[in-house]
Amino acid sequence: MGYNIAVASTDGVNIDKHFGASNSFFIIKVNDDGTYENLGERLVEKNQRNSVNCSLCSSKHSCGNINPKIQRKIEAISDCRCLLCSRCGPSSEKQLGKNNISVFGINMKLDEALKTIIRYYKRSDEHKLLKGIKKQKINSFQGRRY
């Protein structure tokens, strides 16, 4: 199962934009075999009054202190597993984390970063898979009597 990566970049080559200053994100599709392709630039919707979507709120009753600009940015990349940006403020990083988007604050060439991130997620996913198989074996033996 592939996944998407959001990138805050001025040119699609370098990771050089702050999350808060980004009005668009390059979306990278990572395939199961570790190859990737640039799906293009995704624009963040402009401010629309009276159209606040509270799906990202931690409370069912109010949005608390979520900045609407930050909320729109998170909604724009909600299908991404992680965000690569030069910097990200702590409150934005917290909101991204609540939406299962990991933040990697780095300043480097996109291709170099993608190789490292893809390798990281491959190892992480394999570890989770092996851990799950180990649990299944333990659970299947617990019900047996010898």
Protein backbone atom coordinates (compact mmCIF):
# COMPACT_ATOMS: atom_id res chain seq x y z
CA MET A 1 0.00 0.00 0.00
CA GLY A 2 1.56 3.28 -1.10
CA TYR A 3 1.36 6.60 0.66
CA ASN A 4 1.70 10.31 -0.02
CA ILE A 5 4.24 12.81 1.29
CA ALA A 6 3.58 16.56 1.40
CA VAL A 7 6.53 18.87 0.73
CA ALA A 8 6.81 22.58 1.51
CA SER A 9 9.06 23.85 -1.28
CA THR A 10 9.47 26.91 -3.47
CA ASP A 11 10.66 24.93 -6.48
CA GLY A 12 9.87 21.22 -5.95
CA VAL A 13 13.60 20.49 -5.74
CA ASN A 14 14.60 21.86 -2.33
CA ILE A 15 12.78 21.58 0.99
CA ASP A 16 12.99 25.24 1.88
CA LYS A 17 9.61 26.53 3.08
CA HIS A 18 8.15 26.94 6.55
CA PHE A 19 4.82 25.11 6.97
CA GLY A 20 3.06 28.30 8.09
CA ALA A 21 4.31 30.26 5.06
CA SER A 22 3.21 27.63 2.54
CA ASN A 23 0.12 28.21 0.43
CA SER A 24 0.81 25.09 -1.60
CA PHE A 25 2.50 21.72 -1.17
CA PHE A 26 4.12 19.35 -3.63
CA ILE A 27 2.61 15.89 -3.24
CA ILE A 28 4.85 12.88 -3.70
CA LYS A 29 3.29 9.44 -4.23
CA VAL A 30 5.43 6.61 -2.84
CA ASN A 31 4.69 3.23 -4.42
CA ASP A 32 4.92 -0.17 -2.72
CA ASP A 33 8.27 -0.88 -4.38
CA GLY A 34 9.84 2.30 -2.97
CA THR A 35 9.71 4.28 -6.20
CA TYR A 36 8.06 7.66 -6.14
CA GLU A 37 6.52 10.23 -8.42
CA ASN A 38 5.68 13.90 -8.06
CA LEU A 39 1.91 14.30 -8.39
CA GLY A 40 2.25 18.07 -8.67
CA GLU A 41 1.49 21.07 -6.55
CA ARG A 42 -1.63 21.19 -4.38
CA LEU A 43 -2.94 24.64 -3.51
CA VAL A 44 -4.43 25.42 -0.11
CA GLU A 45 -7.96 26.83 -0.37
CA LYS A 46 -8.24 30.54 0.23
CA ASN A 47 -10.10 31.93 3.25
CA GLN A 48 -13.81 31.19 2.97
CA ARG A 49 -15.95 32.79 5.66
CA ASN A 50 -18.58 30.65 7.39
CA SER A 51 -17.21 27.43 5.94
CA VAL A 52 -15.14 26.18 8.86
CA ASN A 53 -14.94 22.40 8.93
CA CYS A 54 -14.54 21.18 12.50
CA SER A 55 -13.49 17.67 11.47
CA LEU A 56 -9.97 18.41 12.70
CA CYS A 57 -11.04 19.67 16.11
CA SER A 58 -10.24 17.74 19.24
CA SER A 59 -13.60 18.74 20.74
CA LYS A 60 -17.01 18.00 19.25
CA HIS A 61 -18.31 21.35 20.46
CA SER A 62 -15.74 23.93 19.35
CA CYS A 63 -12.56 24.41 17.42
CA GLY A 64 -10.70 25.71 20.44
CA ASN A 65 -7.57 27.57 19.38
CA ILE A 66 -7.10 26.10 15.92
CA ASN A 67 -6.09 28.78 13.47
CA PRO A 68 -8.36 28.50 10.38
CA LYS A 69 -5.36 29.02 8.06
CA ILE A 70 -3.53 26.12 9.69
CA GLN A 71 -6.68 24.01 9.57
CA ARG A 72 -7.05 24.56 5.81
CA LYS A 73 -3.41 23.58 5.26
CA ILE A 74 -3.89 20.38 7.26
CA GLU A 75 -7.06 19.58 5.33
CA ALA A 76 -5.15 20.07 2.06
CA ILE A 77 -2.59 17.42 3.02
CA SER A 78 -4.84 15.14 5.09
CA ASP A 79 -4.16 12.19 2.75
CA CYS A 80 -0.39 12.41 3.41
CA ARG A 81 1.59 10.29 5.81
CA CYS A 82 4.12 13.00 6.53
CA LEU A 83 5.19 16.56 5.79
CA LEU A 84 8.68 17.64 4.80
CA CYS A 85 9.31 21.34 5.52
CA SER A 86 12.15 23.59 6.62
CA ARG A 87 10.35 24.46 9.87
CA CYS A 88 7.02 24.03 11.60
CA GLY A 89 5.68 25.78 14.69
CA PRO A 90 4.87 23.68 17.77
CA SER A 91 1.09 24.24 17.65
CA SER A 92 0.97 23.35 13.94
CA GLU A 93 3.10 20.27 14.56
CA LYS A 94 0.74 19.21 17.35
CA GLN A 95 -2.32 19.59 15.09
CA LEU A 96 -0.58 17.68 12.28
CA GLY A 97 0.24 14.90 14.76
CA LYS A 98 -3.40 14.71 15.84
CA ASN A 99 -4.18 14.03 12.19
CA ASN A 100 -1.52 11.30 11.92
CA ILE A 101 0.81 13.42 9.81
CA SER A 102 4.44 13.20 10.93
CA VAL A 103 6.56 16.33 10.51
CA PHE A 104 10.18 16.25 9.38
CA GLY A 105 11.78 19.69 9.69
CA ILE A 106 14.73 19.56 7.30
CA ASN A 107 16.55 21.82 4.85
CA MET A 108 17.92 19.74 1.99
CA LYS A 109 17.36 18.50 -1.55
CA LEU A 110 14.04 16.71 -1.94
CA ASP A 111 15.50 13.63 -3.67
CA GLU A 112 17.99 13.05 -0.84
CA ALA A 113 15.31 13.44 1.81
CA LEU A 114 12.88 11.12 0.01
CA LYS A 115 15.43 8.29 -0.10
CA THR A 116 15.94 8.58 3.66
CA ILE A 117 12.23 8.93 4.51
CA ILE A 118 11.21 6.01 2.28
CA ARG A 119 13.90 3.81 3.86
CA TYR A 120 12.74 4.90 7.34
CA TYR A 121 9.09 4.05 6.66
CA LYS A 122 9.99 0.75 5.01
CA ARG A 123 11.91 -0.34 8.13
CA SER A 124 9.16 0.96 10.42
CA ASP A 125 6.42 -0.85 8.50
CA GLU A 126 8.41 -4.10 8.38
CA HIS A 127 8.98 -3.87 12.14
CA LYS A 128 5.25 -3.38 12.79
CA LEU A 129 4.44 -6.30 10.49
CA LEU A 130 6.91 -8.61 12.24
CA LYS A 131 5.63 -7.50 15.63
CA GLY A 132 2.07 -8.34 14.53
CA ILE A 133 3.10 -11.80 13.30
CA LYS A 134 4.89 -12.46 16.60
CA LYS A 135 1.75 -11.47 18.54
CA GLN A 136 -0.40 -13.76 16.38
CA LYS A 137 1.89 -16.72 17.09
CA ILE A 138 1.85 -16.03 20.84
CA ASN A 139 -1.94 -15.69 20.89
CA SER A 140 -2.44 -18.89 18.88
CA PHE A 141 -0.30 -20.86 21.35
CA GLN A 142 -2.03 -19.49 24.45
CA GLY A 143 -5.23 -21.42 23.75
CA ARG A 144 -3.49 -24.81 23.42
CA ARG A 145 -3.05 -27.28 26.25
CA TYR A 146 -0.11 -29.61 26.35
